[in-house]
Amino acid sequence: MSSHMTFGINRFLAKKQSQNGPIPYWT
């Protein structure tokens, strides 16, 4: 289950990153 969670989070962050630019704002 943890692997599935990580995969979902990675997709979420990647989507946010592509929408907001190359700078990750969540860090």
Protein backbone atom coordinates (compact mmCIF):
# COMPACT_ATOMS: atom_id res chain seq x y z
CA MET A 1 0.00 0.00 0.00
CA SER A 2 2.88 2.38 0.81
CA SER A 3 4.18 1.99 -2.74
CA HIS A 4 0.77 2.95 -4.13
CA MET A 5 0.65 5.97 -1.82
CA THR A 6 4.12 7.10 -2.90
CA PHE A 7 3.17 6.71 -6.56
CA GLY A 8 0.06 8.82 -6.07
CA ILE A 9 1.99 11.50 -4.19
CA ASN A 10 4.70 11.61 -6.86
CA ARG A 11 2.07 12.08 -9.58
CA PHE A 12 0.36 14.78 -7.50
CA LEU A 13 3.59 16.69 -6.91
CA ALA A 14 4.65 16.32 -10.54
CA LYS A 15 1.28 17.67 -11.67
CA LYS A 16 1.50 20.61 -9.30
CA GLN A 17 5.07 21.28 -10.38
CA SER A 18 4.14 21.31 -14.07
CA GLN A 19 1.23 23.66 -13.35
CA ASN A 20 3.15 26.11 -11.16
CA GLY A 21 6.54 26.04 -12.88
CA PRO A 22 9.90 24.41 -12.12
CA ILE A 23 9.99 25.77 -8.55
CA PRO A 24 8.44 23.38 -5.97
CA TYR A 25 6.48 25.61 -3.61
CA TRP A 26 5.70 22.87 -1.08
CA THR A 27 9.27 22.67 0.19
